[in-house]
């Protein structure tokens, strides 16, 4: 079995929903039960790829129906989990935020892909109101003594600056994210948990009466989306044993060479994403 690391970079707000919500938000995004971290179900990415690819390639990669049942495909697509959350910053417009827990899970995926040779060997250590940013980060203010994310006043940790730069540079290179390193920030896990409740995009939508141009009765709802610039990561696995994995991955990479739409509400501009499959 061969594995490839994937990155999904949201170019517009991304709504990977779970159906009707029970709280204030009528249409929330998908989150893991225990960690509450957002994710894009693998079935969403798989469905878009299967719908677009044609002919024998589709059946070989994604499976087909036969007279005796279902014949499984060779490619399995895992859930794409949150790696970097864009958060409003008082300096530098926004920050790409992650946490030690998220990076540990990401490193595990990288290990499964056999790409550990040049991955940073250490995990950052930030606690309390600390934040790890590289030395020349655009996020710092007051003589590099403070970083403001949303309403949080954080203090850069000088001892973690070099390590933050290593992680940022690695992700920037593999995911093809221009100028990521200067906006990269590692916050404590509990701070990221807080930001996950405040930094997602929640919009009110309505349906209008055609003639009156007023809101139809009962046609007001709130829906949640991951903001533009969110970065998710995951794995794509190939289970073939006949040496065709490289060719199949090449075909998939050719399809995602241009941005594709993922998730819901694509008709109103949601879900335009850049997908990167790393060799």
C-alpha atoms as a PDB file:
ATOM      1  CA  UNK A   1       0.000   0.000   0.000  1.00  0.00           C
ATOM      2  CA  UNK A   2       1.278   3.458  -0.917  1.00  0.00           C
ATOM      3  CA  UNK A   3       0.294   6.682   0.803  1.00  0.00           C
ATOM      4  CA  UNK A   4       0.313  10.348  -0.171  1.00  0.00           C
ATOM      5  CA  UNK A   5      -0.039  13.380   2.055  1.00  0.00           C
ATOM      6  CA  UNK A   6      -2.706  15.872   0.991  1.00  0.00           C
ATOM      7  CA  UNK A   7      -3.412  19.513   1.746  1.00  0.00           C
ATOM      8  CA  UNK A   8      -6.720  21.314   1.168  1.00  0.00           C
ATOM      9  CA  UNK A   9      -6.430  25.113   1.071  1.00  0.00           C
ATOM     10  CA  UNK A  10      -9.777  26.923   1.181  1.00  0.00           C
ATOM     11  CA  UNK A  11      -9.849  29.827  -1.278  1.00  0.00           C
ATOM     12  CA  UNK A  12     -13.386  30.740  -0.217  1.00  0.00           C
ATOM     13  CA  UNK A  13     -15.385  29.852   2.922  1.00  0.00           C
ATOM     14  CA  UNK A  14     -15.789  26.077   3.167  1.00  0.00           C
ATOM     15  CA  UNK A  15     -19.017  24.525   4.450  1.00  0.00           C
ATOM     16  CA  UNK A  16     -18.618  20.825   5.156  1.00  0.00           C
ATOM     17  CA  UNK A  17     -21.835  20.373   7.072  1.00  0.00           C
ATOM     18  CA  UNK A  18     -23.450  17.734   9.243  1.00  0.00           C
ATOM     19  CA  UNK A  19     -27.085  18.518   8.545  1.00  0.00           C
ATOM     20  CA  UNK A  20     -29.437  20.324  10.893  1.00  0.00           C
ATOM     21  CA  UNK A  21     -27.902  21.609  14.121  1.00  0.00           C
ATOM     22  CA  UNK A  22     -29.490  21.697  17.561  1.00  0.00           C
ATOM     23  CA  UNK A  23     -28.024  25.006  18.766  1.00  0.00           C
ATOM     24  CA  UNK A  24     -28.128  28.586  17.566  1.00  0.00           C
ATOM     25  CA  UNK A  25     -26.402  27.644  14.302  1.00  0.00           C
ATOM     26  CA  UNK A  26     -28.857  25.816  12.068  1.00  0.00           C
ATOM     27  CA  UNK A  27     -26.229  24.369   9.716  1.00  0.00           C
ATOM     28  CA  UNK A  28     -22.945  23.815  11.594  1.00  0.00           C
ATOM     29  CA  UNK A  29     -19.717  22.465  10.127  1.00  0.00           C
ATOM     30  CA  UNK A  30     -18.497  18.927  10.770  1.00  0.00           C
ATOM     31  CA  UNK A  31     -16.392  18.583  13.915  1.00  0.00           C
ATOM     32  CA  UNK A  32     -14.771  15.646  15.646  1.00  0.00           C
ATOM     33  CA  UNK A  33     -16.806  14.538  18.653  1.00  0.00           C
ATOM     34  CA  UNK A  34     -14.020  14.540  21.245  1.00  0.00           C
ATOM     35  CA  UNK A  35     -11.690  17.316  20.066  1.00  0.00           C
ATOM     36  CA  UNK A  36     -14.239  19.577  18.320  1.00  0.00           C
ATOM     37  CA  UNK A  37     -11.672  20.094  15.560  1.00  0.00           C
ATOM     38  CA  UNK A  38     -13.277  20.805  12.157  1.00  0.00           C
ATOM     39  CA  UNK A  39     -12.721  18.402   9.294  1.00  0.00           C
ATOM     40  CA  UNK A  40     -13.749  17.746   5.705  1.00  0.00           C
ATOM     41  CA  UNK A  41     -15.111  14.188   5.367  1.00  0.00           C
ATOM     42  CA  UNK A  42     -13.109  12.035   2.998  1.00  0.00           C
ATOM     43  CA  UNK A  43     -16.372  11.138   1.291  1.00  0.00           C
ATOM     44  CA  UNK A  44     -16.760  14.780   0.218  1.00  0.00           C
ATOM     45  CA  UNK A  45     -13.410  14.882  -1.577  1.00  0.00           C
ATOM     46  CA  UNK A  46     -13.906  11.379  -2.956  1.00  0.00           C
ATOM     47  CA  UNK A  47     -17.360  12.240  -4.283  1.00  0.00           C
ATOM     48  CA  UNK A  48     -16.121  15.290  -6.184  1.00  0.00           C
ATOM     49  CA  UNK A  49     -13.250  13.341  -7.719  1.00  0.00           C
ATOM     50  CA  UNK A  50     -15.455  10.410  -8.683  1.00  0.00           C
ATOM     51  CA  UNK A  51     -18.111  12.644 -10.209  1.00  0.00           C
ATOM     52  CA  UNK A  52     -15.589  14.447 -12.400  1.00  0.00           C
ATOM     53  CA  UNK A  53     -13.308  11.643 -13.575  1.00  0.00           C
ATOM     54  CA  UNK A  54     -14.676   9.525 -16.416  1.00  0.00           C
ATOM     55  CA  UNK A  55     -14.568   5.986 -17.747  1.00  0.00           C
ATOM     56  CA  UNK A  56     -12.282   3.141 -16.748  1.00  0.00           C
ATOM     57  CA  UNK A  57     -10.101   5.433 -14.635  1.00  0.00           C
ATOM     58  CA  UNK A  58     -13.018   6.162 -12.311  1.00  0.00           C
ATOM     59  CA  UNK A  59     -13.954   2.496 -11.916  1.00  0.00           C
ATOM     60  CA  UNK A  60     -10.380   1.447 -11.295  1.00  0.00           C
ATOM     61  CA  UNK A  61      -9.657   4.121  -8.707  1.00  0.00           C
ATOM     62  CA  UNK A  62     -13.017   4.384  -6.969  1.00  0.00           C
ATOM     63  CA  UNK A  63     -14.686   1.029  -7.626  1.00  0.00           C
ATOM     64  CA  UNK A  64     -17.764  -0.052  -9.564  1.00  0.00           C
ATOM     65  CA  UNK A  65     -21.020  -1.930  -9.358  1.00  0.00           C
ATOM     66  CA  UNK A  66     -21.013  -5.433 -10.835  1.00  0.00           C
ATOM     67  CA  UNK A  67     -23.613  -8.150 -11.277  1.00  0.00           C
ATOM     68  CA  UNK A  68     -22.327  -9.803  -8.119  1.00  0.00           C
ATOM     69  CA  UNK A  69     -22.189  -6.658  -6.011  1.00  0.00           C
ATOM     70  CA  UNK A  70     -19.686  -3.865  -5.458  1.00  0.00           C
ATOM     71  CA  UNK A  71     -16.062  -4.032  -6.549  1.00  0.00           C
ATOM     72  CA  UNK A  72     -13.959  -1.751  -4.307  1.00  0.00           C
ATOM     73  CA  UNK A  73     -11.591   0.797  -5.778  1.00  0.00           C
ATOM     74  CA  UNK A  74      -7.865   1.062  -5.224  1.00  0.00           C
ATOM     75  CA  UNK A  75      -7.805   4.573  -3.742  1.00  0.00           C
ATOM     76  CA  UNK A  76      -9.051   5.389  -0.240  1.00  0.00           C
ATOM     77  CA  UNK A  77      -9.376   9.025   0.829  1.00  0.00           C
ATOM     78  CA  UNK A  78      -9.190   9.834   4.537  1.00  0.00           C
ATOM     79  CA  UNK A  79     -10.824  12.767   6.297  1.00  0.00           C
ATOM     80  CA  UNK A  80      -9.024  16.073   5.780  1.00  0.00           C
ATOM     81  CA  UNK A  81      -8.445  17.483   9.260  1.00  0.00           C
ATOM     82  CA  UNK A  82      -7.709  21.001  10.422  1.00  0.00           C
ATOM     83  CA  UNK A  83      -4.045  22.001  10.275  1.00  0.00           C
ATOM     84  CA  UNK A  84      -4.060  25.815  10.095  1.00  0.00           C
ATOM     85  CA  UNK A  85      -6.889  28.137  11.144  1.00  0.00           C
ATOM     86  CA  UNK A  86      -6.818  31.713   9.811  1.00  0.00           C
ATOM     87  CA  UNK A  87      -7.390  34.123  12.685  1.00  0.00           C
ATOM     88  CA  UNK A  88      -7.769  37.903  12.656  1.00  0.00           C
ATOM     89  CA  UNK A  89      -4.595  39.671  13.788  1.00  0.00           C
ATOM     90  CA  UNK A  90      -3.977  43.295  14.735  1.00  0.00           C
ATOM     91  CA  UNK A  91      -0.778  43.116  12.653  1.00  0.00           C
ATOM     92  CA  UNK A  92      -0.270  41.291   9.375  1.00  0.00           C
ATOM     93  CA  UNK A  93      -4.034  41.080   8.620  1.00  0.00           C
ATOM     94  CA  UNK A  94      -4.352  37.451   9.748  1.00  0.00           C
ATOM     95  CA  UNK A  95      -2.368  34.580  11.263  1.00  0.00           C
ATOM     96  CA  UNK A  96      -2.256  30.915  10.314  1.00  0.00           C
ATOM     97  CA  UNK A  97      -2.768  29.326  13.726  1.00  0.00           C
ATOM     98  CA  UNK A  98      -2.113  25.788  14.913  1.00  0.00           C
ATOM     99  CA  UNK A  99      -1.286  24.048  18.211  1.00  0.00           C
ATOM    100  CA  UNK A 100       1.061  21.340  19.525  1.00  0.00           C
ATOM    101  CA  UNK A 101      -1.715  18.720  19.530  1.00  0.00           C
ATOM    102  CA  UNK A 102      -2.637  19.437  15.918  1.00  0.00           C
ATOM    103  CA  UNK A 103       1.017  19.278  14.874  1.00  0.00           C
ATOM    104  CA  UNK A 104       1.498  15.932  16.642  1.00  0.00           C
ATOM    105  CA  UNK A 105      -1.387  14.423  14.704  1.00  0.00           C
ATOM    106  CA  UNK A 106      -0.064  15.944  11.515  1.00  0.00           C
ATOM    107  CA  UNK A 107       3.389  14.463  12.187  1.00  0.00           C
ATOM    108  CA  UNK A 108       1.751  11.059  12.588  1.00  0.00           C
ATOM    109  CA  UNK A 109       0.210  11.397   9.127  1.00  0.00           C
ATOM    110  CA  UNK A 110       3.551  12.472   7.714  1.00  0.00           C
ATOM    111  CA  UNK A 111       5.156   9.423   9.296  1.00  0.00           C
ATOM    112  CA  UNK A 112       2.569   7.183   7.635  1.00  0.00           C
ATOM    113  CA  UNK A 113       3.574   8.794   4.349  1.00  0.00           C
ATOM    114  CA  UNK A 114       7.278   8.141   4.967  1.00  0.00           C
ATOM    115  CA  UNK A 115       8.209  11.841   4.782  1.00  0.00           C
ATOM    116  CA  UNK A 116       9.882  12.215   8.173  1.00  0.00           C
ATOM    117  CA  UNK A 117      13.414  12.748   6.853  1.00  0.00           C
ATOM    118  CA  UNK A 118      13.235  16.538   6.886  1.00  0.00           C
ATOM    119  CA  UNK A 119      10.305  17.068   9.279  1.00  0.00           C
ATOM    120  CA  UNK A 120      11.199  19.033  12.450  1.00  0.00           C
ATOM    121  CA  UNK A 121      12.065  16.476  15.116  1.00  0.00           C
ATOM    122  CA  UNK A 122      10.776  18.485  18.092  1.00  0.00           C
ATOM    123  CA  UNK A 123       7.360  19.742  19.112  1.00  0.00           C
ATOM    124  CA  UNK A 124       6.936  23.338  20.299  1.00  0.00           C
ATOM    125  CA  UNK A 125       6.250  23.972  23.969  1.00  0.00           C
ATOM    126  CA  UNK A 126       3.867  26.870  24.549  1.00  0.00           C
ATOM    127  CA  UNK A 127       1.714  27.368  27.645  1.00  0.00           C
ATOM    128  CA  UNK A 128      -0.507  30.010  29.185  1.00  0.00           C
ATOM    129  CA  UNK A 129      -0.537  33.137  27.035  1.00  0.00           C
ATOM    130  CA  UNK A 130       2.567  32.200  25.044  1.00  0.00           C
ATOM    131  CA  UNK A 131       2.726  31.973  21.268  1.00  0.00           C
ATOM    132  CA  UNK A 132       5.489  30.625  19.042  1.00  0.00           C
ATOM    133  CA  UNK A 133       6.234  32.744  15.976  1.00  0.00           C
ATOM    134  CA  UNK A 134       9.407  33.111  13.958  1.00  0.00           C
ATOM    135  CA  UNK A 135      11.787  35.950  14.777  1.00  0.00           C
ATOM    136  CA  UNK A 136      10.753  38.263  11.921  1.00  0.00           C
ATOM    137  CA  UNK A 137       7.031  37.472  12.037  1.00  0.00           C
ATOM    138  CA  UNK A 138       4.656  40.123  10.710  1.00  0.00           C
ATOM    139  CA  UNK A 139       2.296  39.349  13.594  1.00  0.00           C
ATOM    140  CA  UNK A 140       4.331  40.963  16.386  1.00  0.00           C
ATOM    141  CA  UNK A 141       3.823  44.500  17.714  1.00  0.00           C
ATOM    142  CA  UNK A 142       5.320  46.678  20.466  1.00  0.00           C
ATOM    143  CA  UNK A 143       8.948  45.858  19.653  1.00  0.00           C
ATOM    144  CA  UNK A 144       8.108  42.204  19.041  1.00  0.00           C
ATOM    145  CA  UNK A 145       6.760  41.816  22.577  1.00  0.00           C
ATOM    146  CA  UNK A 146       3.101  41.053  21.805  1.00  0.00           C
ATOM    147  CA  UNK A 147       0.850  39.250  19.335  1.00  0.00           C
ATOM    148  CA  UNK A 148      -2.875  40.031  19.206  1.00  0.00           C
ATOM    149  CA  UNK A 149      -5.141  37.305  17.785  1.00  0.00           C
ATOM    150  CA  UNK A 150      -8.856  38.099  17.868  1.00  0.00           C
ATOM    151  CA  UNK A 151      -9.157  39.583  21.403  1.00  0.00           C
ATOM    152  CA  UNK A 152      -6.264  37.605  22.867  1.00  0.00           C
ATOM    153  CA  UNK A 153      -3.057  39.291  24.032  1.00  0.00           C
ATOM    154  CA  UNK A 154      -0.251  36.752  23.578  1.00  0.00           C
ATOM    155  CA  UNK A 155       3.475  36.920  24.319  1.00  0.00           C
ATOM    156  CA  UNK A 156       6.007  35.513  21.816  1.00  0.00           C
ATOM    157  CA  UNK A 157       8.268  32.799  23.238  1.00  0.00           C
ATOM    158  CA  UNK A 158      11.854  33.524  22.085  1.00  0.00           C
ATOM    159  CA  UNK A 159      12.988  29.975  22.855  1.00  0.00           C
ATOM    160  CA  UNK A 160      10.445  28.542  20.387  1.00  0.00           C
ATOM    161  CA  UNK A 161      11.034  30.990  17.521  1.00  0.00           C
ATOM    162  CA  UNK A 162      13.513  28.809  15.639  1.00  0.00           C
ATOM    163  CA  UNK A 163      11.308  25.723  15.958  1.00  0.00           C
ATOM    164  CA  UNK A 164       8.241  27.659  14.799  1.00  0.00           C
ATOM    165  CA  UNK A 165      10.203  28.744  11.736  1.00  0.00           C
ATOM    166  CA  UNK A 166      11.203  25.121  11.006  1.00  0.00           C
ATOM    167  CA  UNK A 167       7.597  23.939  11.100  1.00  0.00           C
ATOM    168  CA  UNK A 168       6.344  26.892   9.070  1.00  0.00           C
ATOM    169  CA  UNK A 169       9.018  26.477   6.410  1.00  0.00           C
ATOM    170  CA  UNK A 170       8.316  22.751   6.051  1.00  0.00           C
ATOM    171  CA  UNK A 171       4.556  23.211   5.661  1.00  0.00           C
ATOM    172  CA  UNK A 172       5.023  26.203   3.355  1.00  0.00           C
ATOM    173  CA  UNK A 173       7.226  24.171   1.034  1.00  0.00           C
ATOM    174  CA  UNK A 174       5.117  21.005   0.963  1.00  0.00           C
ATOM    175  CA  UNK A 175       1.723  22.732   0.700  1.00  0.00           C
ATOM    176  CA  UNK A 176       2.862  25.479  -1.657  1.00  0.00           C
ATOM    177  CA  UNK A 177       1.543  28.241   0.604  1.00  0.00           C
ATOM    178  CA  UNK A 178       3.141  31.552  -0.284  1.00  0.00           C
ATOM    179  CA  UNK A 179       4.434  33.583   2.701  1.00  0.00           C
ATOM    180  CA  UNK A 180       3.062  31.160   5.261  1.00  0.00           C
ATOM    181  CA  UNK A 181       6.105  31.356   7.546  1.00  0.00           C
ATOM    182  CA  UNK A 182       5.714  35.050   8.333  1.00  0.00           C
ATOM    183  CA  UNK A 183       2.079  34.525   9.441  1.00  0.00           C
ATOM    184  CA  UNK A 184       2.582  31.173  11.206  1.00  0.00           C
ATOM    185  CA  UNK A 185       1.666  30.983  14.911  1.00  0.00           C
ATOM    186  CA  UNK A 186       1.613  28.079  17.369  1.00  0.00           C
ATOM    187  CA  UNK A 187      -0.687  28.631  20.356  1.00  0.00           C
ATOM    188  CA  UNK A 188      -1.465  26.380  23.348  1.00  0.00           C
ATOM    189  CA  UNK A 189      -4.096  23.714  22.734  1.00  0.00           C
ATOM    190  CA  UNK A 190      -6.676  25.390  24.976  1.00  0.00           C
ATOM    191  CA  UNK A 191      -6.221  28.696  23.145  1.00  0.00           C
ATOM    192  CA  UNK A 192      -6.894  26.976  19.825  1.00  0.00           C
ATOM    193  CA  UNK A 193     -10.011  25.384  21.339  1.00  0.00           C
ATOM    194  CA  UNK A 194     -11.247  28.876  22.212  1.00  0.00           C
ATOM    195  CA  UNK A 195     -10.456  30.233  18.748  1.00  0.00           C
ATOM    196  CA  UNK A 196     -12.388  27.376  17.161  1.00  0.00           C
ATOM    197  CA  UNK A 197     -15.524  28.820  18.774  1.00  0.00           C
ATOM    198  CA  UNK A 198     -14.888  32.415  17.702  1.00  0.00           C
ATOM    199  CA  UNK A 199     -12.936  32.361  14.434  1.00  0.00           C
ATOM    200  CA  UNK A 200     -15.269  30.349  12.215  1.00  0.00           C
ATOM    201  CA  UNK A 201     -17.581  32.218   9.867  1.00  0.00           C
ATOM    202  CA  UNK A 202     -21.285  32.334  10.764  1.00  0.00           C
ATOM    203  CA  UNK A 203     -23.648  34.044   8.329  1.00  0.00           C
ATOM    204  CA  UNK A 204     -27.393  34.606   8.282  1.00  0.00           C
ATOM    205  CA  UNK A 205     -29.156  33.616   5.073  1.00  0.00           C
ATOM    206  CA  UNK A 206     -32.711  34.259   3.933  1.00  0.00           C
ATOM    207  CA  UNK A 207     -35.070  33.254   1.163  1.00  0.00           C
ATOM    208  CA  UNK A 208     -37.078  36.110  -0.342  1.00  0.00           C
ATOM    209  CA  UNK A 209     -40.620  36.152  -1.657  1.00  0.00           C
ATOM    210  CA  UNK A 210     -40.254  36.695  -5.412  1.00  0.00           C
ATOM    211  CA  UNK A 211     -42.895  39.386  -5.716  1.00  0.00           C
ATOM    212  CA  UNK A 212     -42.595  41.216  -2.386  1.00  0.00           C
ATOM    213  CA  UNK A 213     -38.812  40.888  -1.973  1.00  0.00           C
ATOM    214  CA  UNK A 214     -39.346  40.268   1.720  1.00  0.00           C
ATOM    215  CA  UNK A 215     -38.158  37.337   3.797  1.00  0.00           C
ATOM    216  CA  UNK A 216     -40.394  34.308   3.352  1.00  0.00           C
ATOM    217  CA  UNK A 217     -41.997  32.944   6.497  1.00  0.00           C
ATOM    218  CA  UNK A 218     -39.575  30.673   8.353  1.00  0.00           C
ATOM    219  CA  UNK A 219     -36.859  31.240   5.751  1.00  0.00           C
ATOM    220  CA  UNK A 220     -34.133  32.697   7.970  1.00  0.00           C
ATOM    221  CA  UNK A 221     -31.275  30.424   8.990  1.00  0.00           C
ATOM    222  CA  UNK A 222     -27.690  30.596  10.213  1.00  0.00           C
ATOM    223  CA  UNK A 223     -24.913  28.526   8.709  1.00  0.00           C
ATOM    224  CA  UNK A 224     -21.285  28.043   9.695  1.00  0.00           C
ATOM    225  CA  UNK A 225     -18.226  27.759   7.459  1.00  0.00           C
ATOM    226  CA  UNK A 226     -14.491  27.491   7.800  1.00  0.00           C
ATOM    227  CA  UNK A 227     -13.086  30.864   6.727  1.00  0.00           C
ATOM    228  CA  UNK A 228     -11.136  31.376   3.531  1.00  0.00           C
ATOM    229  CA  UNK A 229      -7.416  30.531   3.945  1.00  0.00           C
ATOM    230  CA  UNK A 230      -8.140  27.535   6.205  1.00  0.00           C
ATOM    231  CA  UNK A 231      -5.702  24.673   5.593  1.00  0.00           C
ATOM    232  CA  UNK A 232      -6.654  21.021   6.149  1.00  0.00           C
ATOM    233  CA  UNK A 233      -4.495  17.936   5.739  1.00  0.00           C
ATOM    234  CA  UNK A 234      -5.006  14.189   5.399  1.00  0.00           C
ATOM    235  CA  UNK A 235      -3.981  11.072   3.530  1.00  0.00           C
ATOM    236  CA  UNK A 236      -4.796   9.319   0.271  1.00  0.00           C
ATOM    237  CA  UNK A 237      -4.041   5.583   0.253  1.00  0.00           C
ATOM    238  CA  UNK A 238      -3.570   3.262  -2.722  1.00  0.00           C
ATOM    239  CA  UNK A 239      -4.180  -0.437  -2.037  1.00  0.00           C
ATOM    240  CA  UNK A 240      -3.106  -1.829  -5.413  1.00  0.00           C
ATOM    241  CA  UNK A 241      -0.383  -4.461  -5.619  1.00  0.00           C
ATOM    242  CA  UNK A 242       0.477  -4.253  -9.299  1.00  0.00           C
ATOM    243  CA  UNK A 243       2.696  -1.180  -9.254  1.00  0.00           C
ATOM    244  CA  UNK A 244       0.043   1.178 -10.634  1.00  0.00           C
ATOM    245  CA  UNK A 245      -0.067   3.522  -7.639  1.00  0.00           C
ATOM    246  CA  UNK A 246       2.274   6.098  -9.170  1.00  0.00           C
ATOM    247  CA  UNK A 247       0.208   6.363 -12.365  1.00  0.00           C
ATOM    248  CA  UNK A 248      -3.067   6.617 -10.455  1.00  0.00           C
ATOM    249  CA  UNK A 249      -1.710   9.315  -8.153  1.00  0.00           C
ATOM    250  CA  UNK A 250      -0.449  11.195 -11.214  1.00  0.00           C
ATOM    251  CA  UNK A 251      -3.965  11.128 -12.694  1.00  0.00           C
ATOM    252  CA  UNK A 252      -5.440  12.459  -9.452  1.00  0.00           C
ATOM    253  CA  UNK A 253      -2.817  15.205  -9.266  1.00  0.00           C
ATOM    254  CA  UNK A 254      -3.645  16.194 -12.830  1.00  0.00           C
ATOM    255  CA  UNK A 255      -7.298  16.624 -11.939  1.00  0.00           C
ATOM    256  CA  UNK A 256      -6.634  18.771  -8.850  1.00  0.00           C
ATOM    257  CA  UNK A 257      -4.071  20.929 -10.664  1.00  0.00           C
ATOM    258  CA  UNK A 258      -6.786  23.600 -10.754  1.00  0.00           C
ATOM    259  CA  UNK A 259      -9.061  24.618  -7.847  1.00  0.00           C
ATOM    260  CA  UNK A 260     -12.160  22.488  -7.282  1.00  0.00           C
ATOM    261  CA  UNK A 261     -15.364  22.954  -5.273  1.00  0.00           C
ATOM    262  CA  UNK A 262     -15.807  20.954  -2.072  1.00  0.00           C
ATOM    263  CA  UNK A 263     -18.539  20.868   0.553  1.00  0.00           C
ATOM    264  CA  UNK A 264     -21.918  22.520   0.268  1.00  0.00           C
ATOM    265  CA  UNK A 265     -23.353  25.780  -1.061  1.00  0.00           C
ATOM    266  CA  UNK A 266     -21.044  25.917  -4.069  1.00  0.00           C
ATOM    267  CA  UNK A 267     -23.751  27.821  -5.944  1.00  0.00           C
ATOM    268  CA  UNK A 268     -23.179  30.840  -3.685  1.00  0.00           C
ATOM    269  CA  UNK A 269     -19.398  30.713  -3.889  1.00  0.00           C
ATOM    270  CA  UNK A 270     -18.601  28.393  -1.009  1.00  0.00           C
ATOM    271  CA  UNK A 271     -15.997  25.649  -1.119  1.00  0.00           C
ATOM    272  CA  UNK A 272     -13.511  26.740  -3.782  1.00  0.00           C
ATOM    273  CA  UNK A 273     -10.368  24.882  -2.728  1.00  0.00           C
ATOM    274  CA  UNK A 274      -6.851  24.184  -3.882  1.00  0.00           C
ATOM    275  CA  UNK A 275      -5.883  20.536  -3.332  1.00  0.00           C
ATOM    276  CA  UNK A 276      -2.236  19.460  -3.170  1.00  0.00           C
ATOM    277  CA  UNK A 277      -1.145  15.807  -3.324  1.00  0.00           C
ATOM    278  CA  UNK A 278       2.458  15.570  -2.123  1.00  0.00           C
ATOM    279  CA  UNK A 279       4.793  13.007  -3.691  1.00  0.00           C
END
